[in-house]
Amino acid sequence: MNSFNDRLERAKNYEIALIKMLNLSGFVTALNGTEHTHPDFVDKLRHSEDPTSLSIRFQPDGVAYIGNTPRSFYFEAKSSSTIEKNAYDQYINLTRNGNIVVLFFGSVGNEIKFKWIFVEDLKFTNSENLLKKFKNQKGNKQKDIPIIDNWFYPRKLNDSDYNEWKIEYKGSGTPYANIDKSCLLNCNVFKNLMIEKLKNIIL
């Protein structure tokens, strides 16, 4: 299995584990988005960046509710420590309309982690410092990926460097940033904090 397919399988397994955890915690969950109901449709949009297509492409993975008169939220399962700018922007757009969006970060392996954060509280590592760290580790093999507003832009590399980057990382090349893991919260406080946030919604 190549590294891209391996990442897809890891992400899917993490999503399944997360849904199981939420269900065991008393939340009712459902998959969300056109990618689950019409994957071929979404696949055709993979290079589209008009506002509607971006909203369709980057819907959170699922929705959940709790309570006798249920209140709900979106959740996204992230099996890596990075996030695409397009995805982050769409999640923030949802919160601007009063929606709750929760990001879970972790992996499936010997130990499953469900570190989490409300998307509006997410923090990022300093990309300039991170790039310097990578260059110290890899020397000339590390490409000087252009950085704009702390987002890495691999597609802004020259053609030769970008092709080498794609071969090494098997990434999409879209802008991304690394999360600051110190901002993430432990799973054992999730239910209480989520219920409190749901209670405080102004209707």
N, C-alpha and C. Protein backbone atom coordinates (compact mmCIF):
# COMPACT_ATOMS: atom_id res chain seq x y z
N MET A 1 0.84 -1.19 0.00
CA MET A 1 0.00 0.00 0.00
C MET A 1 0.89 1.25 0.00
N ASN A 2 0.60 2.23 -0.91
CA ASN A 2 1.43 3.42 -0.93
C ASN A 2 1.07 4.35 0.22
N SER A 3 1.91 5.38 0.43
CA SER A 3 1.74 6.23 1.60
C SER A 3 0.43 7.01 1.57
N PHE A 4 -0.03 7.40 0.35
CA PHE A 4 -1.29 8.14 0.26
C PHE A 4 -2.46 7.26 0.69
N ASN A 5 -2.52 6.03 0.15
CA ASN A 5 -3.60 5.12 0.54
C ASN A 5 -3.50 4.74 2.01
N ASP A 6 -2.28 4.64 2.51
CA ASP A 6 -2.08 4.35 3.93
C ASP A 6 -2.67 5.46 4.79
N ARG A 7 -2.47 6.73 4.38
CA ARG A 7 -3.03 7.86 5.12
C ARG A 7 -4.55 7.83 5.08
N LEU A 8 -5.11 7.48 3.91
CA LEU A 8 -6.56 7.40 3.79
C LEU A 8 -7.14 6.34 4.72
N GLU A 9 -6.48 5.18 4.76
CA GLU A 9 -6.96 4.10 5.62
C GLU A 9 -6.83 4.48 7.09
N ARG A 10 -5.71 5.12 7.44
CA ARG A 10 -5.51 5.55 8.82
C ARG A 10 -6.58 6.56 9.24
N ALA A 11 -6.90 7.50 8.33
CA ALA A 11 -7.91 8.51 8.62
C ALA A 11 -9.28 7.87 8.80
N LYS A 12 -9.61 6.90 7.94
CA LYS A 12 -10.91 6.23 8.04
C LYS A 12 -11.01 5.44 9.34
N ASN A 13 -9.95 4.74 9.71
CA ASN A 13 -9.97 3.96 10.94
C ASN A 13 -10.11 4.87 12.16
N TYR A 14 -9.48 6.04 12.10
CA TYR A 14 -9.59 6.97 13.21
C TYR A 14 -11.00 7.52 13.32
N GLU A 15 -11.60 7.82 12.18
CA GLU A 15 -12.99 8.30 12.17
C GLU A 15 -13.92 7.27 12.80
N ILE A 16 -13.75 6.01 12.46
CA ILE A 16 -14.59 4.94 13.01
C ILE A 16 -14.40 4.84 14.52
N ALA A 17 -13.15 4.91 14.97
CA ALA A 17 -12.86 4.83 16.41
C ALA A 17 -13.46 6.02 17.15
N LEU A 18 -13.39 7.20 16.54
CA LEU A 18 -13.95 8.41 17.17
C LEU A 18 -15.46 8.30 17.32
N ILE A 19 -16.12 7.86 16.28
CA ILE A 19 -17.58 7.71 16.34
C ILE A 19 -17.98 6.73 17.43
N LYS A 20 -17.23 5.63 17.55
CA LYS A 20 -17.51 4.65 18.60
C LYS A 20 -17.34 5.29 19.97
N MET A 21 -16.29 6.08 20.16
CA MET A 21 -16.06 6.75 21.44
C MET A 21 -17.20 7.71 21.77
N LEU A 22 -17.64 8.49 20.80
CA LEU A 22 -18.73 9.44 21.03
C LEU A 22 -20.02 8.71 21.38
N ASN A 23 -20.30 7.63 20.68
CA ASN A 23 -21.51 6.85 20.97
C ASN A 23 -21.48 6.28 22.38
N LEU A 24 -20.32 5.76 22.79
CA LEU A 24 -20.19 5.21 24.14
C LEU A 24 -20.30 6.29 25.21
N SER A 25 -20.02 7.53 24.82
CA SER A 25 -20.12 8.65 25.76
C SER A 25 -21.53 9.22 25.86
N GLY A 26 -22.45 8.67 25.07
CA GLY A 26 -23.84 9.11 25.16
C GLY A 26 -24.30 10.02 24.04
N PHE A 27 -23.43 10.30 23.07
CA PHE A 27 -23.81 11.13 21.94
C PHE A 27 -24.36 10.27 20.81
N VAL A 28 -25.36 10.78 20.12
CA VAL A 28 -25.88 10.12 18.91
C VAL A 28 -25.20 10.77 17.72
N THR A 29 -24.64 9.97 16.83
CA THR A 29 -23.83 10.50 15.74
C THR A 29 -24.38 10.09 14.37
N ALA A 30 -23.98 10.85 13.36
CA ALA A 30 -24.28 10.51 11.97
C ALA A 30 -23.18 11.08 11.09
N LEU A 31 -22.88 10.38 10.01
CA LEU A 31 -21.92 10.91 9.05
C LEU A 31 -22.52 12.14 8.37
N ASN A 32 -21.66 13.04 7.94
CA ASN A 32 -22.13 14.31 7.39
C ASN A 32 -21.43 14.59 6.07
N GLY A 33 -22.15 15.19 5.15
CA GLY A 33 -21.52 15.69 3.94
C GLY A 33 -21.76 14.84 2.70
N THR A 34 -21.66 15.51 1.55
CA THR A 34 -21.87 14.87 0.26
C THR A 34 -20.82 13.81 -0.02
N GLU A 35 -19.64 13.94 0.59
CA GLU A 35 -18.59 12.94 0.35
C GLU A 35 -19.02 11.55 0.79
N HIS A 36 -19.96 11.47 1.75
CA HIS A 36 -20.44 10.17 2.21
C HIS A 36 -21.63 9.66 1.39
N THR A 37 -22.46 10.59 0.91
CA THR A 37 -23.65 10.17 0.16
C THR A 37 -23.39 10.07 -1.34
N HIS A 38 -22.52 10.94 -1.87
CA HIS A 38 -22.22 10.94 -3.30
C HIS A 38 -20.72 11.19 -3.51
N PRO A 39 -19.89 10.21 -3.17
CA PRO A 39 -18.43 10.41 -3.26
C PRO A 39 -17.94 10.73 -4.66
N ASP A 40 -18.57 10.17 -5.69
CA ASP A 40 -18.14 10.46 -7.07
C ASP A 40 -18.38 11.93 -7.42
N PHE A 41 -19.47 12.48 -6.90
CA PHE A 41 -19.78 13.90 -7.11
C PHE A 41 -18.67 14.77 -6.51
N VAL A 42 -18.31 14.48 -5.27
CA VAL A 42 -17.29 15.27 -4.58
C VAL A 42 -15.93 15.10 -5.24
N ASP A 43 -15.65 13.90 -5.74
CA ASP A 43 -14.37 13.66 -6.40
C ASP A 43 -14.19 14.56 -7.62
N LYS A 44 -15.29 14.85 -8.33
CA LYS A 44 -15.23 15.74 -9.48
C LYS A 44 -14.90 17.17 -9.09
N LEU A 45 -15.12 17.51 -7.82
CA LEU A 45 -14.88 18.87 -7.35
C LEU A 45 -13.51 19.05 -6.71
N ARG A 46 -12.67 18.02 -6.76
CA ARG A 46 -11.44 18.04 -5.96
C ARG A 46 -10.50 19.19 -6.32
N HIS A 47 -10.63 19.74 -7.54
CA HIS A 47 -9.79 20.88 -7.92
C HIS A 47 -10.59 22.19 -7.97
N SER A 48 -11.86 22.14 -7.60
CA SER A 48 -12.71 23.33 -7.67
C SER A 48 -12.57 24.17 -6.41
N GLU A 49 -12.44 25.48 -6.58
CA GLU A 49 -12.22 26.35 -5.43
C GLU A 49 -13.20 27.52 -5.39
N ASP A 50 -14.33 27.40 -6.08
CA ASP A 50 -15.38 28.39 -5.91
C ASP A 50 -16.01 28.18 -4.53
N PRO A 51 -16.65 29.19 -3.94
CA PRO A 51 -17.14 29.09 -2.56
C PRO A 51 -18.05 27.89 -2.30
N THR A 52 -18.98 27.61 -3.21
CA THR A 52 -19.91 26.50 -2.97
C THR A 52 -19.18 25.15 -3.01
N SER A 53 -18.28 24.99 -3.98
CA SER A 53 -17.55 23.73 -4.08
C SER A 53 -16.66 23.51 -2.86
N LEU A 54 -16.03 24.57 -2.37
CA LEU A 54 -15.20 24.44 -1.16
C LEU A 54 -16.05 24.03 0.03
N SER A 55 -17.24 24.61 0.14
CA SER A 55 -18.13 24.25 1.24
C SER A 55 -18.53 22.78 1.17
N ILE A 56 -18.77 22.28 -0.04
CA ILE A 56 -19.14 20.87 -0.23
C ILE A 56 -17.94 19.97 0.09
N ARG A 57 -16.77 20.34 -0.40
CA ARG A 57 -15.58 19.50 -0.25
C ARG A 57 -15.12 19.38 1.20
N PHE A 58 -15.29 20.45 1.96
CA PHE A 58 -14.70 20.48 3.29
C PHE A 58 -15.75 20.54 4.40
N GLN A 59 -16.83 19.80 4.22
CA GLN A 59 -17.78 19.63 5.31
C GLN A 59 -17.15 18.77 6.40
N PRO A 60 -17.44 19.05 7.67
CA PRO A 60 -16.93 18.17 8.75
C PRO A 60 -17.41 16.74 8.57
N ASP A 61 -16.66 15.80 9.13
CA ASP A 61 -16.94 14.38 8.94
C ASP A 61 -18.30 13.95 9.47
N GLY A 62 -18.72 14.52 10.60
CA GLY A 62 -19.93 14.03 11.23
C GLY A 62 -20.66 15.09 12.03
N VAL A 63 -21.83 14.69 12.51
CA VAL A 63 -22.64 15.51 13.40
C VAL A 63 -23.04 14.64 14.58
N ALA A 64 -23.31 15.30 15.71
CA ALA A 64 -23.70 14.56 16.91
C ALA A 64 -24.67 15.41 17.71
N TYR A 65 -25.52 14.73 18.49
CA TYR A 65 -26.40 15.46 19.41
C TYR A 65 -26.49 14.72 20.72
N ILE A 66 -27.01 15.43 21.74
CA ILE A 66 -27.23 14.85 23.05
C ILE A 66 -28.36 15.62 23.72
N GLY A 67 -29.08 14.95 24.60
CA GLY A 67 -30.12 15.61 25.38
C GLY A 67 -31.52 15.19 24.98
N ASN A 68 -32.49 15.39 25.91
CA ASN A 68 -33.89 15.05 25.63
C ASN A 68 -34.48 15.95 24.56
N THR A 69 -34.12 17.23 24.60
CA THR A 69 -34.39 18.14 23.49
C THR A 69 -33.03 18.41 22.87
N PRO A 70 -32.65 17.59 21.89
CA PRO A 70 -31.25 17.55 21.47
C PRO A 70 -30.70 18.88 20.96
N ARG A 71 -29.45 19.11 21.30
CA ARG A 71 -28.66 20.16 20.68
C ARG A 71 -27.45 19.48 20.05
N SER A 72 -26.98 20.04 18.96
CA SER A 72 -26.02 19.29 18.13
C SER A 72 -24.76 20.09 17.82
N PHE A 73 -23.78 19.38 17.25
CA PHE A 73 -22.52 19.98 16.85
C PHE A 73 -21.90 19.17 15.72
N TYR A 74 -20.98 19.81 15.01
CA TYR A 74 -20.19 19.14 13.99
C TYR A 74 -18.90 18.61 14.62
N PHE A 75 -18.38 17.51 14.08
CA PHE A 75 -17.06 17.05 14.49
C PHE A 75 -16.25 16.60 13.29
N GLU A 76 -14.94 16.76 13.41
CA GLU A 76 -14.00 16.38 12.36
C GLU A 76 -12.90 15.53 12.97
N ALA A 77 -12.62 14.39 12.34
CA ALA A 77 -11.55 13.49 12.80
C ALA A 77 -10.29 13.75 12.00
N LYS A 78 -9.21 14.14 12.68
CA LYS A 78 -7.94 14.41 12.02
C LYS A 78 -6.90 13.42 12.54
N SER A 79 -6.39 12.58 11.65
CA SER A 79 -5.41 11.59 12.07
C SER A 79 -3.99 12.10 11.93
N SER A 80 -3.83 13.34 11.47
CA SER A 80 -2.50 13.91 11.35
C SER A 80 -2.42 15.18 12.19
N SER A 81 -1.24 15.80 12.23
CA SER A 81 -1.05 17.01 13.04
C SER A 81 -1.04 18.27 12.18
N THR A 82 -1.59 18.17 10.97
CA THR A 82 -1.70 19.33 10.10
C THR A 82 -3.16 19.54 9.70
N ILE A 83 -3.45 20.73 9.18
CA ILE A 83 -4.80 21.01 8.70
C ILE A 83 -4.69 21.89 7.46
N GLU A 84 -5.50 21.61 6.46
CA GLU A 84 -5.51 22.41 5.24
C GLU A 84 -6.18 23.75 5.50
N LYS A 85 -5.67 24.78 4.86
CA LYS A 85 -6.25 26.11 5.01
C LYS A 85 -7.70 26.14 4.55
N ASN A 86 -7.98 25.50 3.40
CA ASN A 86 -9.36 25.50 2.89
C ASN A 86 -10.32 24.86 3.89
N ALA A 87 -9.89 23.77 4.52
CA ALA A 87 -10.75 23.11 5.51
C ALA A 87 -10.95 24.02 6.72
N TYR A 88 -9.86 24.58 7.23
CA TYR A 88 -9.95 25.45 8.40
C TYR A 88 -10.88 26.63 8.13
N ASP A 89 -10.75 27.24 6.96
CA ASP A 89 -11.60 28.39 6.62
C ASP A 89 -13.08 28.01 6.60
N GLN A 90 -13.38 26.82 6.08
CA GLN A 90 -14.79 26.38 6.04
C GLN A 90 -15.33 26.13 7.44
N TYR A 91 -14.51 25.55 8.31
CA TYR A 91 -14.97 25.30 9.69
C TYR A 91 -15.21 26.62 10.42
N ILE A 92 -14.32 27.58 10.21
CA ILE A 92 -14.50 28.90 10.84
C ILE A 92 -15.76 29.57 10.30
N ASN A 93 -16.03 29.42 9.01
CA ASN A 93 -17.26 29.98 8.44
C ASN A 93 -18.50 29.40 9.14
N LEU A 94 -18.46 28.13 9.46
CA LEU A 94 -19.59 27.52 10.16
C LEU A 94 -19.78 28.15 11.54
N THR A 95 -18.68 28.40 12.25
CA THR A 95 -18.80 28.98 13.59
C THR A 95 -19.33 30.41 13.52
N ARG A 96 -19.02 31.13 12.45
CA ARG A 96 -19.51 32.50 12.30
C ARG A 96 -21.03 32.55 12.16
N ASN A 97 -21.59 31.44 11.74
CA ASN A 97 -23.05 31.34 11.64
C ASN A 97 -23.67 30.72 12.89
N GLY A 98 -22.87 30.60 13.96
CA GLY A 98 -23.39 30.10 15.22
C GLY A 98 -23.26 28.61 15.43
N ASN A 99 -22.62 27.90 14.49
CA ASN A 99 -22.45 26.45 14.62
C ASN A 99 -21.28 26.12 15.54
N ILE A 100 -21.34 24.93 16.12
CA ILE A 100 -20.24 24.42 16.93
C ILE A 100 -19.48 23.38 16.11
N VAL A 101 -18.17 23.56 16.01
CA VAL A 101 -17.32 22.62 15.27
C VAL A 101 -16.18 22.18 16.19
N VAL A 102 -16.04 20.86 16.35
CA VAL A 102 -15.00 20.29 17.20
C VAL A 102 -14.03 19.50 16.33
N LEU A 103 -12.75 19.71 16.54
CA LEU A 103 -11.72 18.94 15.84
C LEU A 103 -11.08 17.96 16.81
N PHE A 104 -11.02 16.69 16.41
CA PHE A 104 -10.33 15.66 17.19
C PHE A 104 -9.05 15.28 16.47
N PHE A 105 -7.96 15.22 17.21
CA PHE A 105 -6.66 14.86 16.65
C PHE A 105 -6.14 13.61 17.34
N GLY A 106 -5.63 12.68 16.55
CA GLY A 106 -5.10 11.46 17.15
C GLY A 106 -4.68 10.49 16.08
N SER A 107 -4.52 9.25 16.46
CA SER A 107 -4.10 8.23 15.50
C SER A 107 -4.64 6.88 15.93
N VAL A 108 -4.66 5.96 14.99
CA VAL A 108 -5.04 4.58 15.29
C VAL A 108 -3.78 3.73 15.25
N GLY A 109 -3.53 3.01 16.29
CA GLY A 109 -2.33 2.19 16.40
C GLY A 109 -2.37 1.49 17.73
N ASN A 110 -1.23 1.37 18.38
CA ASN A 110 -1.21 0.76 19.70
C ASN A 110 -1.97 1.59 20.72
N GLU A 111 -2.01 2.90 20.49
CA GLU A 111 -2.71 3.79 21.40
C GLU A 111 -3.58 4.75 20.60
N ILE A 112 -4.86 4.81 20.92
CA ILE A 112 -5.77 5.72 20.25
C ILE A 112 -5.95 6.95 21.11
N LYS A 113 -5.73 8.12 20.51
CA LYS A 113 -5.86 9.36 21.25
C LYS A 113 -7.00 10.19 20.68
N PHE A 114 -7.70 10.86 21.56
CA PHE A 114 -8.80 11.72 21.14
C PHE A 114 -8.61 13.12 21.71
N LYS A 115 -7.46 13.71 21.47
CA LYS A 115 -7.25 15.10 21.85
C LYS A 115 -8.18 15.97 20.99
N TRP A 116 -8.68 17.05 21.55
CA TRP A 116 -9.69 17.80 20.82
C TRP A 116 -9.61 19.29 21.14
N ILE A 117 -10.33 20.08 20.30
CA ILE A 117 -10.40 21.53 20.51
C ILE A 117 -11.58 22.08 19.72
N PHE A 118 -12.25 23.09 20.25
CA PHE A 118 -13.21 23.83 19.45
C PHE A 118 -12.40 24.58 18.39
N VAL A 119 -12.87 24.56 17.15
CA VAL A 119 -12.04 25.05 16.05
C VAL A 119 -11.61 26.51 16.24
N GLU A 120 -12.46 27.32 16.86
CA GLU A 120 -12.09 28.72 17.05
C GLU A 120 -10.95 28.90 18.05
N ASP A 121 -10.66 27.85 18.83
CA ASP A 121 -9.58 27.91 19.81
C ASP A 121 -8.29 27.25 19.31
N LEU A 122 -8.32 26.74 18.09
CA LEU A 122 -7.15 26.05 17.54
C LEU A 122 -5.98 27.01 17.37
N LYS A 123 -4.79 26.55 17.74
CA LYS A 123 -3.58 27.34 17.57
C LYS A 123 -2.60 26.57 16.69
N PHE A 124 -1.68 27.32 16.07
CA PHE A 124 -0.74 26.72 15.13
C PHE A 124 0.69 26.95 15.57
N THR A 125 1.57 26.05 15.14
CA THR A 125 2.99 26.27 15.37
C THR A 125 3.48 27.38 14.44
N ASN A 126 4.61 27.99 14.79
CA ASN A 126 5.21 29.01 13.94
C ASN A 126 5.86 28.33 12.75
N SER A 127 5.33 28.57 11.55
CA SER A 127 5.79 27.84 10.37
C SER A 127 7.22 28.20 9.98
N GLU A 128 7.62 29.46 10.20
CA GLU A 128 8.99 29.86 9.88
C GLU A 128 9.98 29.09 10.75
N ASN A 129 9.68 28.99 12.04
CA ASN A 129 10.56 28.24 12.95
C ASN A 129 10.56 26.76 12.61
N LEU A 130 9.39 26.25 12.24
CA LEU A 130 9.30 24.84 11.89
C LEU A 130 10.12 24.53 10.65
N LEU A 131 10.06 25.41 9.66
CA LEU A 131 10.84 25.21 8.44
C LEU A 131 12.33 25.22 8.74
N LYS A 132 12.77 26.13 9.61
CA LYS A 132 14.18 26.17 10.01
C LYS A 132 14.60 24.87 10.69
N LYS A 133 13.70 24.34 11.52
CA LYS A 133 13.98 23.07 12.20
C LYS A 133 14.14 21.94 11.19
N PHE A 134 13.23 21.89 10.20
CA PHE A 134 13.32 20.86 9.17
C PHE A 134 14.62 20.99 8.38
N LYS A 135 15.01 22.23 8.08
CA LYS A 135 16.24 22.45 7.30
C LYS A 135 17.47 22.02 8.09
N ASN A 136 17.44 22.22 9.39
CA ASN A 136 18.56 21.76 10.23
C ASN A 136 18.66 20.24 10.24
N GLN A 137 17.49 19.57 10.12
CA GLN A 137 17.46 18.11 10.14
C GLN A 137 17.82 17.51 8.78
N LYS A 138 17.33 18.12 7.71
CA LYS A 138 17.45 17.53 6.38
C LYS A 138 18.46 18.23 5.48
N GLY A 139 18.93 19.40 5.90
CA GLY A 139 19.89 20.11 5.08
C GLY A 139 19.27 20.56 3.77
N ASN A 140 20.00 20.37 2.67
CA ASN A 140 19.55 20.84 1.36
C ASN A 140 18.35 20.06 0.82
N LYS A 141 18.05 18.92 1.43
CA LYS A 141 16.91 18.13 0.96
C LYS A 141 15.58 18.81 1.32
N GLN A 142 15.58 19.68 2.32
CA GLN A 142 14.36 20.36 2.72
C GLN A 142 14.12 21.57 1.81
N LYS A 143 12.98 21.60 1.17
CA LYS A 143 12.64 22.69 0.27
C LYS A 143 12.19 23.92 1.06
N ASP A 144 12.50 25.09 0.53
CA ASP A 144 12.06 26.35 1.14
C ASP A 144 10.62 26.61 0.72
N ILE A 145 9.70 25.93 1.36
CA ILE A 145 8.29 26.08 1.00
C ILE A 145 7.84 27.49 1.33
N PRO A 146 7.27 28.22 0.38
CA PRO A 146 6.78 29.57 0.66
C PRO A 146 5.74 29.57 1.78
N ILE A 147 5.83 30.57 2.63
CA ILE A 147 4.92 30.72 3.77
C ILE A 147 4.21 32.06 3.67
N ILE A 148 2.89 32.04 3.74
CA ILE A 148 2.09 33.26 3.71
C ILE A 148 1.12 33.20 4.90
N ASP A 149 1.20 34.19 5.77
CA ASP A 149 0.33 34.24 6.95
C ASP A 149 0.37 32.94 7.74
N ASN A 150 1.56 32.36 7.84
CA ASN A 150 1.84 31.14 8.61
C ASN A 150 1.36 29.86 7.93
N TRP A 151 0.84 29.96 6.72
CA TRP A 151 0.41 28.77 5.97
C TRP A 151 1.50 28.39 4.97
N PHE A 152 1.84 27.09 4.92
CA PHE A 152 2.75 26.58 3.90
C PHE A 152 2.02 26.50 2.55
N TYR A 153 2.69 26.94 1.49
CA TYR A 153 2.13 26.89 0.14
C TYR A 153 3.05 26.09 -0.78
N PRO A 154 2.98 24.76 -0.74
CA PRO A 154 3.88 23.94 -1.57
C PRO A 154 3.75 24.22 -3.07
N ARG A 155 2.56 24.55 -3.54
CA ARG A 155 2.36 24.77 -4.98
C ARG A 155 3.06 26.02 -5.48
N LYS A 156 3.54 26.87 -4.58
CA LYS A 156 4.27 28.06 -4.98
C LYS A 156 5.77 27.79 -5.14
N LEU A 157 6.19 26.54 -4.90
CA LEU A 157 7.55 26.15 -5.21
C LEU A 157 7.75 26.16 -6.72
N ASN A 158 9.00 26.24 -7.17
CA ASN A 158 9.22 26.10 -8.61
C ASN A 158 8.87 24.67 -9.02
N ASP A 159 8.67 24.45 -10.30
CA ASP A 159 8.15 23.16 -10.78
C ASP A 159 9.00 21.98 -10.34
N SER A 160 10.32 22.13 -10.43
CA SER A 160 11.22 21.03 -10.06
C SER A 160 11.10 20.69 -8.58
N ASP A 161 11.16 21.73 -7.73
CA ASP A 161 11.06 21.49 -6.29
C ASP A 161 9.69 20.95 -5.90
N TYR A 162 8.65 21.45 -6.56
CA TYR A 162 7.30 20.99 -6.24
C TYR A 162 7.13 19.52 -6.60
N ASN A 163 7.65 19.11 -7.74
CA ASN A 163 7.55 17.71 -8.14
C ASN A 163 8.30 16.81 -7.15
N GLU A 164 9.47 17.27 -6.67
CA GLU A 164 10.21 16.50 -5.66
C GLU A 164 9.42 16.44 -4.35
N TRP A 165 8.79 17.56 -3.99
CA TRP A 165 7.99 17.60 -2.76
C TRP A 165 6.83 16.61 -2.85
N LYS A 166 6.15 16.57 -4.00
CA LYS A 166 5.01 15.65 -4.18
C LYS A 166 5.46 14.20 -4.08
N ILE A 167 6.62 13.89 -4.65
CA ILE A 167 7.12 12.51 -4.60
C ILE A 167 7.42 12.10 -3.17
N GLU A 168 7.99 13.04 -2.39
CA GLU A 168 8.38 12.70 -1.02
C GLU A 168 7.19 12.64 -0.08
N TYR A 169 6.26 13.61 -0.20
CA TYR A 169 5.19 13.72 0.80
C TYR A 169 3.84 13.20 0.33
N LYS A 170 3.68 12.99 -0.97
CA LYS A 170 2.40 12.49 -1.52
C LYS A 170 1.23 13.36 -1.08
N GLY A 171 1.47 14.66 -0.95
CA GLY A 171 0.43 15.57 -0.50
C GLY A 171 -0.27 16.24 -1.67
N SER A 172 -1.37 16.93 -1.36
CA SER A 172 -2.15 17.60 -2.40
C SER A 172 -1.49 18.90 -2.85
N GLY A 173 -0.65 19.47 -1.99
CA GLY A 173 0.01 20.72 -2.34
C GLY A 173 -0.77 21.96 -1.95
N THR A 174 -1.98 21.78 -1.41
CA THR A 174 -2.79 22.92 -0.99
C THR A 174 -2.21 23.51 0.30
N PRO A 175 -2.47 24.79 0.58
CA PRO A 175 -1.91 25.42 1.78
C PRO A 175 -2.28 24.67 3.06
N TYR A 176 -1.32 24.56 3.97
CA TYR A 176 -1.57 23.85 5.23
C TYR A 176 -0.71 24.45 6.33
N ALA A 177 -1.06 24.11 7.57
CA ALA A 177 -0.26 24.52 8.72
C ALA A 177 -0.24 23.38 9.73
N ASN A 178 0.75 23.40 10.59
CA ASN A 178 0.86 22.40 11.66
C ASN A 178 0.21 22.94 12.93
N ILE A 179 -0.54 22.08 13.58
CA ILE A 179 -1.22 22.52 14.80
C ILE A 179 -0.26 22.56 15.97
N ASP A 180 -0.56 23.42 16.93
CA ASP A 180 0.17 23.47 18.19
C ASP A 180 -0.54 22.51 19.15
N LYS A 181 0.08 21.37 19.38
CA LYS A 181 -0.58 20.33 20.17
C LYS A 181 -0.83 20.74 21.62
N SER A 182 -0.13 21.77 22.07
CA SER A 182 -0.31 22.20 23.46
C SER A 182 -1.70 22.81 23.71
N CYS A 183 -2.40 23.19 22.65
CA CYS A 183 -3.73 23.77 22.82
C CYS A 183 -4.83 22.72 22.94
N LEU A 184 -4.49 21.46 22.64
CA LEU A 184 -5.51 20.40 22.62
C LEU A 184 -5.88 19.96 24.03
N LEU A 185 -7.15 19.57 24.18
CA LEU A 185 -7.68 19.16 25.48
C LEU A 185 -7.80 17.64 25.54
N ASN A 186 -7.78 17.11 26.76
CA ASN A 186 -7.92 15.67 26.95
C ASN A 186 -9.36 15.22 26.75
N CYS A 187 -9.49 13.98 26.32
CA CYS A 187 -10.81 13.42 26.02
C CYS A 187 -11.72 13.37 27.24
N ASN A 188 -11.14 13.20 28.44
CA ASN A 188 -11.98 12.98 29.62
C ASN A 188 -12.76 14.22 30.04
N VAL A 189 -12.45 15.37 29.46
CA VAL A 189 -13.23 16.58 29.80
C VAL A 189 -14.19 16.96 28.68
N PHE A 190 -14.19 16.18 27.60
CA PHE A 190 -14.98 16.58 26.43
C PHE A 190 -16.48 16.64 26.71
N LYS A 191 -17.03 15.59 27.27
CA LYS A 191 -18.48 15.53 27.42
C LYS A 191 -19.00 16.69 28.27
N ASN A 192 -18.38 16.93 29.41
CA ASN A 192 -18.86 17.99 30.30
C ASN A 192 -18.74 19.37 29.64
N LEU A 193 -17.61 19.62 28.97
CA LEU A 193 -17.42 20.92 28.35
C LEU A 193 -18.35 21.11 27.15
N MET A 194 -18.60 20.03 26.42
CA MET A 194 -19.52 20.14 25.29
C MET A 194 -20.94 20.40 25.77
N ILE A 195 -21.39 19.67 26.78
CA ILE A 195 -22.74 19.89 27.30
C ILE A 195 -22.89 21.33 27.80
N GLU A 196 -21.86 21.84 28.48
CA GLU A 196 -21.89 23.22 28.97
C GLU A 196 -21.99 24.20 27.81
N LYS A 197 -21.23 23.95 26.74
CA LYS A 197 -21.29 24.85 25.58
C LYS A 197 -22.66 24.79 24.90
N LEU A 198 -23.23 23.60 24.82
CA LEU A 198 -24.55 23.45 24.20
C LEU A 198 -25.62 24.17 25.03
N LYS A 199 -25.48 24.10 26.36
CA LYS A 199 -26.44 24.77 27.24
C LYS A 199 -26.41 26.30 27.08
N ASN A 200 -25.22 26.81 26.73
CA ASN A 200 -25.04 28.25 26.67
C ASN A 200 -25.39 28.85 25.31
N ILE A 201 -25.89 28.02 24.39
CA ILE A 201 -26.30 28.55 23.09
C ILE A 201 -27.45 29.52 23.27
N ILE A 202 -27.33 30.68 22.67
CA ILE A 202 -28.41 31.67 22.73
C ILE A 202 -29.36 31.42 21.56
N LEU A 203 -30.60 31.07 21.88
CA LEU A 203 -31.57 30.75 20.83
C LEU A 203 -32.35 32.00 20.42
